[in-house]
Amino acid sequence: MNGTPSHPSKLSTDFANDGEPPTVELLKQLDELTGQTPEQREQRQRLCDEIITRTLPVADRLAAHYGGRGVPMDDLRQVARTALVQAMRRFHGAGERAFLAYAVPSIRGELKRYFRDMGWMVRPPRRIQEARLALNGVQSDLSNELGREPSAQELADLTGLDPDTVNAARGADHCYRPDSLDRPRGDDDGARTVADVTGEFDPAFSQAEARVLIWPLLEQLPPRDRKLIILRFFNGMTQSEVGERIGISQMQVSRVESRILQGFREALAA
């Protein structure tokens, strides 16, 4: 990720001493506690809590690298701090650098998984999600270096992705924060919203409810009557065309149609 320290040891300055035993000493004490007496378990918990408290700035700094990408900063800090606690519980060994070398990748991994699983309001394929994260790590640096927006081919050469995947990943930014349909498209109070200019009216929409109500009644009709109504109102044929299709006159079609529609009205009114 852009701005991420290249080595966990560079984050060791975040460990606070303030006149207390250095964190490396606390880790050493923790490593020496091999017994399981109540006193030792209590002391172990106290040391873990103290190490976690001193290491919180490391977790917060790692979370900050993922900020500004559509996920609230408080959520990122919570994910990073939870990952820190889990790393502390699993850690075995002494030394500040050893703990950072173990905890930092664990925290980064949890942050990436959170983005992959929770950060997308509209979820693209996993391949595109991972490509988007890879681009986040290099796109800003390359833009600063070139003094312009890098091309898909330049990003592909840098990340090892193919240009088509780069283009798809760059187009997935809106999946983090899709535009609201109520967002005005202008600055004035009377500006039309996104919804006003999105899509078009479908005349069949107003007929959907009627079709749902009519279909059970249609299924109760004899086969010839049902075919007549389908040809007449679903296929849009004239009475003469329907008569030719089913072998009766136009006048007979009109009488049968009137009888069926009256029965529909009475059934729906009931």
C-alpha atoms as a PDB file:
ATOM      1  CA  MET A   1       0.000   0.000   0.000  1.00  0.00           C
ATOM      2  CA  ASN A   2       1.099   3.541  -0.639  1.00  0.00           C
ATOM      3  CA  GLY A   3       3.082   4.860   2.295  1.00  0.00           C
ATOM      4  CA  THR A   4       3.232   1.537   4.106  1.00  0.00           C
ATOM      5  CA  PRO A   5       6.561   1.006   5.912  1.00  0.00           C
ATOM      6  CA  SER A   6       8.716  -1.433   4.037  1.00  0.00           C
ATOM      7  CA  HIS A   7       9.763  -3.284   7.186  1.00  0.00           C
ATOM      8  CA  PRO A   8       7.967  -3.864  10.500  1.00  0.00           C
ATOM      9  CA  SER A   9      10.973  -2.636  12.487  1.00  0.00           C
ATOM     10  CA  LYS A  10      10.393   0.877  11.144  1.00  0.00           C
ATOM     11  CA  LEU A  11       7.232   0.975  13.228  1.00  0.00           C
ATOM     12  CA  SER A  12       9.063   0.230  16.471  1.00  0.00           C
ATOM     13  CA  THR A  13       9.267   3.925  17.326  1.00  0.00           C
ATOM     14  CA  ASP A  14       5.558   3.735  18.106  1.00  0.00           C
ATOM     15  CA  PHE A  15       6.360   1.691  21.222  1.00  0.00           C
ATOM     16  CA  ALA A  16       6.123   4.092  24.205  1.00  0.00           C
ATOM     17  CA  ASN A  17       8.336   3.741  27.254  1.00  0.00           C
ATOM     18  CA  ASP A  18       7.722   6.923  29.305  1.00  0.00           C
ATOM     19  CA  GLY A  19      10.090   5.797  32.027  1.00  0.00           C
ATOM     20  CA  GLU A  20       8.526   2.318  32.201  1.00  0.00           C
ATOM     21  CA  PRO A  21      10.352  -0.898  31.237  1.00  0.00           C
ATOM     22  CA  PRO A  22      10.843  -0.968  27.441  1.00  0.00           C
ATOM     23  CA  THR A  23       8.394  -3.072  25.462  1.00  0.00           C
ATOM     24  CA  VAL A  24      11.131  -5.515  24.491  1.00  0.00           C
ATOM     25  CA  GLU A  25      11.618  -6.199  28.202  1.00  0.00           C
ATOM     26  CA  LEU A  26       7.892  -6.848  28.640  1.00  0.00           C
ATOM     27  CA  LEU A  27       8.000  -9.298  25.736  1.00  0.00           C
ATOM     28  CA  LYS A  28      10.938 -11.055  27.329  1.00  0.00           C
ATOM     29  CA  GLN A  29       9.072 -11.344  30.632  1.00  0.00           C
ATOM     30  CA  LEU A  30       6.073 -12.724  28.779  1.00  0.00           C
ATOM     31  CA  ASP A  31       8.225 -15.343  27.088  1.00  0.00           C
ATOM     32  CA  GLU A  32       9.611 -16.477  30.435  1.00  0.00           C
ATOM     33  CA  LEU A  33       6.157 -17.126  31.903  1.00  0.00           C
ATOM     34  CA  THR A  34       5.754 -20.836  31.152  1.00  0.00           C
ATOM     35  CA  GLY A  35       3.800 -21.874  34.250  1.00  0.00           C
ATOM     36  CA  GLN A  36       0.028 -22.045  34.570  1.00  0.00           C
ATOM     37  CA  THR A  37      -0.532 -21.005  38.186  1.00  0.00           C
ATOM     38  CA  PRO A  38      -3.274 -18.426  38.772  1.00  0.00           C
ATOM     39  CA  GLU A  39      -0.636 -15.810  39.624  1.00  0.00           C
ATOM     40  CA  GLN A  40       1.310 -16.503  36.426  1.00  0.00           C
ATOM     41  CA  ARG A  41      -1.829 -16.392  34.270  1.00  0.00           C
ATOM     42  CA  GLU A  42      -2.772 -13.084  35.832  1.00  0.00           C
ATOM     43  CA  GLN A  43       0.722 -11.708  35.260  1.00  0.00           C
ATOM     44  CA  ARG A  44       0.677 -12.952  31.674  1.00  0.00           C
ATOM     45  CA  GLN A  45      -2.616 -11.188  31.024  1.00  0.00           C
ATOM     46  CA  ARG A  46      -1.260  -7.975  32.546  1.00  0.00           C
ATOM     47  CA  LEU A  47       1.824  -8.098  30.319  1.00  0.00           C
ATOM     48  CA  CYS A  48      -0.286  -8.812  27.209  1.00  0.00           C
ATOM     49  CA  ASP A  49      -2.573  -5.894  28.001  1.00  0.00           C
ATOM     50  CA  GLU A  50       0.396  -3.568  28.482  1.00  0.00           C
ATOM     51  CA  ILE A  51       2.064  -4.664  25.233  1.00  0.00           C
ATOM     52  CA  ILE A  52      -1.196  -4.263  23.311  1.00  0.00           C
ATOM     53  CA  THR A  53      -1.730  -0.782  24.757  1.00  0.00           C
ATOM     54  CA  ARG A  54       1.772   0.279  23.725  1.00  0.00           C
ATOM     55  CA  THR A  55       1.330  -1.223  20.264  1.00  0.00           C
ATOM     56  CA  LEU A  56      -2.030   0.406  19.482  1.00  0.00           C
ATOM     57  CA  PRO A  57      -0.341   3.276  17.564  1.00  0.00           C
ATOM     58  CA  VAL A  58       1.130   0.669  15.208  1.00  0.00           C
ATOM     59  CA  ALA A  59      -2.325  -0.738  14.482  1.00  0.00           C
ATOM     60  CA  ASP A  60      -3.791   2.746  14.062  1.00  0.00           C
ATOM     61  CA  ARG A  61      -1.040   3.760  11.658  1.00  0.00           C
ATOM     62  CA  LEU A  62      -1.601   0.665   9.529  1.00  0.00           C
ATOM     63  CA  ALA A  63      -5.347   1.369   9.496  1.00  0.00           C
ATOM     64  CA  ALA A  64      -4.687   4.942   8.371  1.00  0.00           C
ATOM     65  CA  HIS A  65      -3.035   3.657   5.174  1.00  0.00           C
ATOM     66  CA  TYR A  66      -6.437   2.302   4.124  1.00  0.00           C
ATOM     67  CA  GLY A  67      -8.382   5.473   4.930  1.00  0.00           C
ATOM     68  CA  GLY A  68     -10.251   7.587   2.408  1.00  0.00           C
ATOM     69  CA  ARG A  69     -11.488   4.625   0.370  1.00  0.00           C
ATOM     70  CA  GLY A  70     -15.134   4.469   1.357  1.00  0.00           C
ATOM     71  CA  VAL A  71     -14.809   2.689   4.719  1.00  0.00           C
ATOM     72  CA  PRO A  72     -15.183   4.709   7.964  1.00  0.00           C
ATOM     73  CA  MET A  73     -11.887   5.250   9.758  1.00  0.00           C
ATOM     74  CA  ASP A  74     -13.348   4.047  13.067  1.00  0.00           C
ATOM     75  CA  ASP A  75     -14.192   0.695  11.462  1.00  0.00           C
ATOM     76  CA  LEU A  76     -10.654   0.339  10.104  1.00  0.00           C
ATOM     77  CA  ARG A  77      -9.123   1.078  13.511  1.00  0.00           C
ATOM     78  CA  GLN A  78     -11.390  -1.486  15.127  1.00  0.00           C
ATOM     79  CA  VAL A  79     -10.365  -4.140  12.589  1.00  0.00           C
ATOM     80  CA  ALA A  80      -6.665  -3.316  13.034  1.00  0.00           C
ATOM     81  CA  ARG A  81      -6.836  -3.304  16.837  1.00  0.00           C
ATOM     82  CA  THR A  82      -8.773  -6.571  16.930  1.00  0.00           C
ATOM     83  CA  ALA A  83      -6.134  -8.132  14.676  1.00  0.00           C
ATOM     84  CA  LEU A  84      -3.441  -6.843  17.053  1.00  0.00           C
ATOM     85  CA  VAL A  85      -5.120  -8.506  20.033  1.00  0.00           C
ATOM     86  CA  GLN A  86      -5.428 -11.778  18.116  1.00  0.00           C
ATOM     87  CA  ALA A  87      -1.760 -11.589  17.089  1.00  0.00           C
ATOM     88  CA  MET A  88      -0.753 -11.037  20.711  1.00  0.00           C
ATOM     89  CA  ARG A  89      -2.666 -14.150  21.773  1.00  0.00           C
ATOM     90  CA  ARG A  90      -0.974 -16.274  19.110  1.00  0.00           C
ATOM     91  CA  PHE A  91       2.551 -14.867  19.458  1.00  0.00           C
ATOM     92  CA  HIS A  92       5.320 -17.084  20.845  1.00  0.00           C
ATOM     93  CA  GLY A  93       8.850 -15.772  21.149  1.00  0.00           C
ATOM     94  CA  ALA A  94      10.728 -12.793  22.555  1.00  0.00           C
ATOM     95  CA  GLY A  95      11.820  -9.523  21.080  1.00  0.00           C
ATOM     96  CA  GLU A  96      10.239  -6.346  19.851  1.00  0.00           C
ATOM     97  CA  ARG A  97      11.190  -6.907  16.212  1.00  0.00           C
ATOM     98  CA  ALA A  98       9.980 -10.504  16.323  1.00  0.00           C
ATOM     99  CA  PHE A  99       6.589  -9.395  17.602  1.00  0.00           C
ATOM    100  CA  LEU A 100       6.280  -6.615  15.017  1.00  0.00           C
ATOM    101  CA  ALA A 101       7.375  -8.964  12.240  1.00  0.00           C
ATOM    102  CA  TYR A 102       4.523 -11.241  13.293  1.00  0.00           C
ATOM    103  CA  ALA A 103       1.831  -8.673  14.164  1.00  0.00           C
ATOM    104  CA  VAL A 104       2.177  -6.214  11.276  1.00  0.00           C
ATOM    105  CA  PRO A 105       1.483  -8.738   8.449  1.00  0.00           C
ATOM    106  CA  SER A 106      -1.405 -10.141  10.516  1.00  0.00           C
ATOM    107  CA  ILE A 107      -2.980  -6.684  10.851  1.00  0.00           C
ATOM    108  CA  ARG A 108      -2.474  -5.881   7.172  1.00  0.00           C
ATOM    109  CA  GLY A 109      -4.021  -9.199   6.199  1.00  0.00           C
ATOM    110  CA  GLU A 110      -7.124  -8.545   8.307  1.00  0.00           C
ATOM    111  CA  LEU A 111      -7.504  -5.049   6.841  1.00  0.00           C
ATOM    112  CA  LYS A 112      -7.281  -6.415   3.296  1.00  0.00           C
ATOM    113  CA  ARG A 113      -9.807  -9.142   4.089  1.00  0.00           C
ATOM    114  CA  TYR A 114     -12.148  -6.547   5.571  1.00  0.00           C
ATOM    115  CA  PHE A 115     -11.980  -4.499   2.390  1.00  0.00           C
ATOM    116  CA  ARG A 116     -12.502  -7.592   0.289  1.00  0.00           C
ATOM    117  CA  ASP A 117     -15.497  -8.847   2.278  1.00  0.00           C
ATOM    118  CA  MET A 118     -17.141  -5.725   3.715  1.00  0.00           C
ATOM    119  CA  GLY A 119     -15.845  -2.628   1.969  1.00  0.00           C
ATOM    120  CA  TRP A 120     -17.744  -3.062  -1.311  1.00  0.00           C
ATOM    121  CA  MET A 121     -21.331  -1.846  -1.462  1.00  0.00           C
ATOM    122  CA  VAL A 122     -21.521  -3.441  -4.908  1.00  0.00           C
ATOM    123  CA  ARG A 123     -19.238  -6.456  -4.950  1.00  0.00           C
ATOM    124  CA  PRO A 124     -17.257  -7.082  -8.154  1.00  0.00           C
ATOM    125  CA  PRO A 125     -15.503 -10.426  -8.782  1.00  0.00           C
ATOM    126  CA  ARG A 126     -12.750 -11.256  -6.310  1.00  0.00           C
ATOM    127  CA  ARG A 127     -10.124 -10.939  -9.056  1.00  0.00           C
ATOM    128  CA  ILE A 128     -11.162  -7.306  -9.584  1.00  0.00           C
ATOM    129  CA  GLN A 129     -11.238  -6.602  -5.832  1.00  0.00           C
ATOM    130  CA  GLU A 130      -7.678  -7.843  -5.410  1.00  0.00           C
ATOM    131  CA  ALA A 131      -6.527  -5.927  -8.488  1.00  0.00           C
ATOM    132  CA  ARG A 132      -8.093  -2.741  -7.069  1.00  0.00           C
ATOM    133  CA  LEU A 133      -6.127  -3.194  -3.840  1.00  0.00           C
ATOM    134  CA  ALA A 134      -2.926  -3.774  -5.812  1.00  0.00           C
ATOM    135  CA  LEU A 135      -3.491  -0.570  -7.794  1.00  0.00           C
ATOM    136  CA  ASN A 136      -4.121   1.400  -4.603  1.00  0.00           C
ATOM    137  CA  GLY A 137      -0.564   0.601  -3.578  1.00  0.00           C
ATOM    138  CA  VAL A 138       1.142   2.048  -6.659  1.00  0.00           C
ATOM    139  CA  GLN A 139      -1.202   4.360  -8.554  1.00  0.00           C
ATOM    140  CA  SER A 140      -0.563   7.515  -6.465  1.00  0.00           C
ATOM    141  CA  ASP A 141       3.212   7.051  -6.481  1.00  0.00           C
ATOM    142  CA  LEU A 142       3.270   6.481 -10.237  1.00  0.00           C
ATOM    143  CA  SER A 143       1.049   9.534 -10.844  1.00  0.00           C
ATOM    144  CA  ASN A 144       3.423  11.711  -8.801  1.00  0.00           C
ATOM    145  CA  GLU A 145       6.427  10.290 -10.619  1.00  0.00           C
ATOM    146  CA  LEU A 146       4.966  10.826 -14.102  1.00  0.00           C
ATOM    147  CA  GLY A 147       3.185  14.091 -13.346  1.00  0.00           C
ATOM    148  CA  ARG A 148       0.014  12.716 -14.950  1.00  0.00           C
ATOM    149  CA  GLU A 149      -2.489   9.906 -14.687  1.00  0.00           C
ATOM    150  CA  PRO A 150      -0.723   6.622 -15.599  1.00  0.00           C
ATOM    151  CA  SER A 151      -2.047   4.569 -18.479  1.00  0.00           C
ATOM    152  CA  ALA A 152      -3.472   1.084 -18.061  1.00  0.00           C
ATOM    153  CA  GLN A 153      -0.386  -0.396 -19.741  1.00  0.00           C
ATOM    154  CA  GLU A 154       1.983   1.446 -17.379  1.00  0.00           C
ATOM    155  CA  LEU A 155       0.062   0.190 -14.353  1.00  0.00           C
ATOM    156  CA  ALA A 156      -0.029  -3.308 -15.840  1.00  0.00           C
ATOM    157  CA  ASP A 157       3.756  -3.291 -16.301  1.00  0.00           C
ATOM    158  CA  LEU A 158       4.240  -2.181 -12.697  1.00  0.00           C
ATOM    159  CA  THR A 159       1.798  -4.588 -11.039  1.00  0.00           C
ATOM    160  CA  GLY A 160       2.055  -7.613 -13.336  1.00  0.00           C
ATOM    161  CA  LEU A 161      -1.682  -7.423 -14.118  1.00  0.00           C
ATOM    162  CA  ASP A 162      -2.993  -7.462 -17.663  1.00  0.00           C
ATOM    163  CA  PRO A 163      -4.325  -4.134 -19.054  1.00  0.00           C
ATOM    164  CA  ASP A 164      -7.926  -5.389 -19.272  1.00  0.00           C
ATOM    165  CA  THR A 165      -7.892  -6.265 -15.568  1.00  0.00           C
ATOM    166  CA  VAL A 166      -6.378  -2.860 -14.752  1.00  0.00           C
ATOM    167  CA  ASN A 167      -9.159  -1.093 -16.656  1.00  0.00           C
ATOM    168  CA  ALA A 168     -11.829  -3.191 -14.929  1.00  0.00           C
ATOM    169  CA  ALA A 169     -10.294  -2.523 -11.509  1.00  0.00           C
ATOM    170  CA  ARG A 170     -10.021   1.221 -12.128  1.00  0.00           C
ATOM    171  CA  GLY A 171     -13.655   1.265 -13.134  1.00  0.00           C
ATOM    172  CA  ALA A 172     -14.672  -0.469  -9.899  1.00  0.00           C
ATOM    173  CA  ASP A 173     -14.152   2.609  -7.705  1.00  0.00           C
ATOM    174  CA  HIS A 174     -17.880   3.338  -7.763  1.00  0.00           C
ATOM    175  CA  CYS A 175     -18.487  -0.058  -6.154  1.00  0.00           C
ATOM    176  CA  TYR A 176     -17.225   1.355  -2.838  1.00  0.00           C
ATOM    177  CA  ARG A 177     -19.603   4.333  -2.870  1.00  0.00           C
ATOM    178  CA  PRO A 178     -22.304   4.136  -5.549  1.00  0.00           C
ATOM    179  CA  ASP A 179     -23.940   7.468  -6.410  1.00  0.00           C
ATOM    180  CA  SER A 180     -27.226   8.145  -4.647  1.00  0.00           C
ATOM    181  CA  LEU A 181     -30.215   8.254  -6.980  1.00  0.00           C
ATOM    182  CA  ASP A 182     -31.344  11.351  -5.060  1.00  0.00           C
ATOM    183  CA  ARG A 183     -28.128  13.286  -5.752  1.00  0.00           C
ATOM    184  CA  PRO A 184     -28.867  16.530  -7.665  1.00  0.00           C
ATOM    185  CA  ARG A 185     -27.099  16.840 -11.003  1.00  0.00           C
ATOM    186  CA  GLY A 186     -26.712  20.610 -10.625  1.00  0.00           C
ATOM    187  CA  ASP A 187     -26.099  23.266  -7.995  1.00  0.00           C
ATOM    188  CA  ASP A 188     -29.503  24.950  -8.035  1.00  0.00           C
ATOM    189  CA  ASP A 189     -32.400  23.822  -5.832  1.00  0.00           C
ATOM    190  CA  GLY A 190     -34.487  22.744  -8.807  1.00  0.00           C
ATOM    191  CA  ALA A 191     -31.805  20.531 -10.349  1.00  0.00           C
ATOM    192  CA  ARG A 192     -32.900  17.119 -11.550  1.00  0.00           C
ATOM    193  CA  THR A 193     -31.678  14.120  -9.585  1.00  0.00           C
ATOM    194  CA  VAL A 194     -29.754  11.127 -10.907  1.00  0.00           C
ATOM    195  CA  ALA A 195     -32.971   9.092 -10.741  1.00  0.00           C
ATOM    196  CA  ASP A 196     -34.763  11.641 -12.957  1.00  0.00           C
ATOM    197  CA  VAL A 197     -32.392  11.000 -15.851  1.00  0.00           C
ATOM    198  CA  THR A 198     -31.693   7.315 -15.267  1.00  0.00           C
ATOM    199  CA  GLY A 199     -33.583   4.749 -17.329  1.00  0.00           C
ATOM    200  CA  GLU A 200     -36.929   5.309 -19.010  1.00  0.00           C
ATOM    201  CA  PHE A 201     -40.582   4.623 -18.318  1.00  0.00           C
ATOM    202  CA  ASP A 202     -41.648   1.040 -18.996  1.00  0.00           C
ATOM    203  CA  PRO A 203     -45.334   0.931 -19.976  1.00  0.00           C
ATOM    204  CA  ALA A 204     -45.518  -2.717 -18.941  1.00  0.00           C
ATOM    205  CA  PHE A 205     -44.751  -1.766 -15.350  1.00  0.00           C
ATOM    206  CA  SER A 206     -48.268  -0.436 -14.750  1.00  0.00           C
ATOM    207  CA  GLN A 207     -49.718  -3.656 -16.178  1.00  0.00           C
ATOM    208  CA  ALA A 208     -47.710  -5.965 -13.906  1.00  0.00           C
ATOM    209  CA  GLU A 209     -50.209  -5.956 -11.043  1.00  0.00           C
ATOM    210  CA  ALA A 210     -53.135  -6.513 -13.395  1.00  0.00           C
ATOM    211  CA  ARG A 211     -51.361  -9.491 -14.958  1.00  0.00           C
ATOM    212  CA  VAL A 212     -50.740 -11.007 -11.539  1.00  0.00           C
ATOM    213  CA  LEU A 213     -54.434 -10.684 -10.657  1.00  0.00           C
ATOM    214  CA  ILE A 214     -55.745 -11.919 -13.999  1.00  0.00           C
ATOM    215  CA  TRP A 215     -53.510 -14.958 -14.486  1.00  0.00           C
ATOM    216  CA  PRO A 216     -55.214 -17.241 -11.888  1.00  0.00           C
ATOM    217  CA  LEU A 217     -58.582 -16.411 -13.473  1.00  0.00           C
ATOM    218  CA  LEU A 218     -57.175 -17.100 -16.916  1.00  0.00           C
ATOM    219  CA  GLU A 219     -55.993 -20.559 -15.875  1.00  0.00           C
ATOM    220  CA  GLN A 220     -59.556 -21.478 -14.846  1.00  0.00           C
ATOM    221  CA  LEU A 221     -60.944 -20.877 -18.341  1.00  0.00           C
ATOM    222  CA  PRO A 222     -61.565 -23.676 -20.861  1.00  0.00           C
ATOM    223  CA  PRO A 223     -58.638 -24.081 -23.320  1.00  0.00           C
ATOM    224  CA  ARG A 224     -60.383 -22.333 -26.235  1.00  0.00           C
ATOM    225  CA  ASP A 225     -61.461 -19.330 -24.121  1.00  0.00           C
ATOM    226  CA  ARG A 226     -58.009 -19.033 -22.581  1.00  0.00           C
ATOM    227  CA  LYS A 227     -56.391 -19.086 -26.038  1.00  0.00           C
ATOM    228  CA  LEU A 228     -58.830 -16.407 -27.223  1.00  0.00           C
ATOM    229  CA  ILE A 229     -57.928 -14.025 -24.382  1.00  0.00           C
ATOM    230  CA  ILE A 230     -54.185 -14.630 -24.788  1.00  0.00           C
ATOM    231  CA  LEU A 231     -54.306 -13.988 -28.531  1.00  0.00           C
ATOM    232  CA  ARG A 232     -56.539 -10.956 -28.093  1.00  0.00           C
ATOM    233  CA  PHE A 233     -54.924  -9.146 -25.164  1.00  0.00           C
ATOM    234  CA  PHE A 234     -51.445 -10.633 -24.742  1.00  0.00           C
ATOM    235  CA  ASN A 235     -50.582 -10.984 -28.436  1.00  0.00           C
ATOM    236  CA  GLY A 236     -52.529  -7.901 -29.519  1.00  0.00           C
ATOM    237  CA  MET A 237     -54.556  -9.537 -32.316  1.00  0.00           C
ATOM    238  CA  THR A 238     -57.816  -8.118 -33.655  1.00  0.00           C
ATOM    239  CA  GLN A 239     -61.073  -9.995 -33.172  1.00  0.00           C
ATOM    240  CA  SER A 240     -61.039 -11.005 -36.845  1.00  0.00           C
ATOM    241  CA  GLU A 241     -57.488 -12.372 -36.568  1.00  0.00           C
ATOM    242  CA  VAL A 242     -58.396 -14.306 -33.431  1.00  0.00           C
ATOM    243  CA  GLY A 243     -61.481 -15.729 -35.153  1.00  0.00           C
ATOM    244  CA  GLU A 244     -59.380 -16.969 -38.077  1.00  0.00           C
ATOM    245  CA  ARG A 245     -56.879 -18.530 -35.692  1.00  0.00           C
ATOM    246  CA  ILE A 246     -59.382 -20.523 -33.624  1.00  0.00           C
ATOM    247  CA  GLY A 247     -62.026 -21.120 -36.333  1.00  0.00           C
ATOM    248  CA  ILE A 248     -64.960 -18.925 -35.340  1.00  0.00           C
ATOM    249  CA  SER A 249     -66.426 -15.675 -36.653  1.00  0.00           C
ATOM    250  CA  GLN A 250     -65.509 -12.189 -35.521  1.00  0.00           C
ATOM    251  CA  MET A 251     -68.993 -11.792 -33.994  1.00  0.00           C
ATOM    252  CA  GLN A 252     -68.561 -14.969 -31.957  1.00  0.00           C
ATOM    253  CA  VAL A 253     -65.179 -13.748 -30.755  1.00  0.00           C
ATOM    254  CA  SER A 254     -66.801 -10.504 -29.601  1.00  0.00           C
ATOM    255  CA  ARG A 255     -69.543 -12.346 -27.657  1.00  0.00           C
ATOM    256  CA  VAL A 256     -67.107 -14.788 -26.016  1.00  0.00           C
ATOM    257  CA  GLU A 257     -64.742 -11.945 -25.145  1.00  0.00           C
ATOM    258  CA  SER A 258     -67.528  -9.913 -23.527  1.00  0.00           C
ATOM    259  CA  ARG A 259     -68.668 -12.922 -21.486  1.00  0.00           C
ATOM    260  CA  ILE A 260     -65.156 -13.684 -20.233  1.00  0.00           C
ATOM    261  CA  LEU A 261     -64.350 -10.078 -19.338  1.00  0.00           C
ATOM    262  CA  GLN A 262     -67.610  -9.713 -17.419  1.00  0.00           C
ATOM    263  CA  GLY A 263     -66.749 -12.851 -15.478  1.00  0.00           C
ATOM    264  CA  PHE A 264     -63.306 -11.407 -14.698  1.00  0.00           C
ATOM    265  CA  ARG A 265     -64.868  -8.167 -13.422  1.00  0.00           C
ATOM    266  CA  GLU A 266     -67.259 -10.012 -11.126  1.00  0.00           C
ATOM    267  CA  ALA A 267     -64.492 -12.257  -9.777  1.00  0.00           C
ATOM    268  CA  LEU A 268     -62.175  -9.311  -9.072  1.00  0.00           C
ATOM    269  CA  ALA A 269     -64.977  -7.276  -7.493  1.00  0.00           C
ATOM    270  CA  ALA A 270     -65.765 -10.179  -5.179  1.00  0.00           C
END
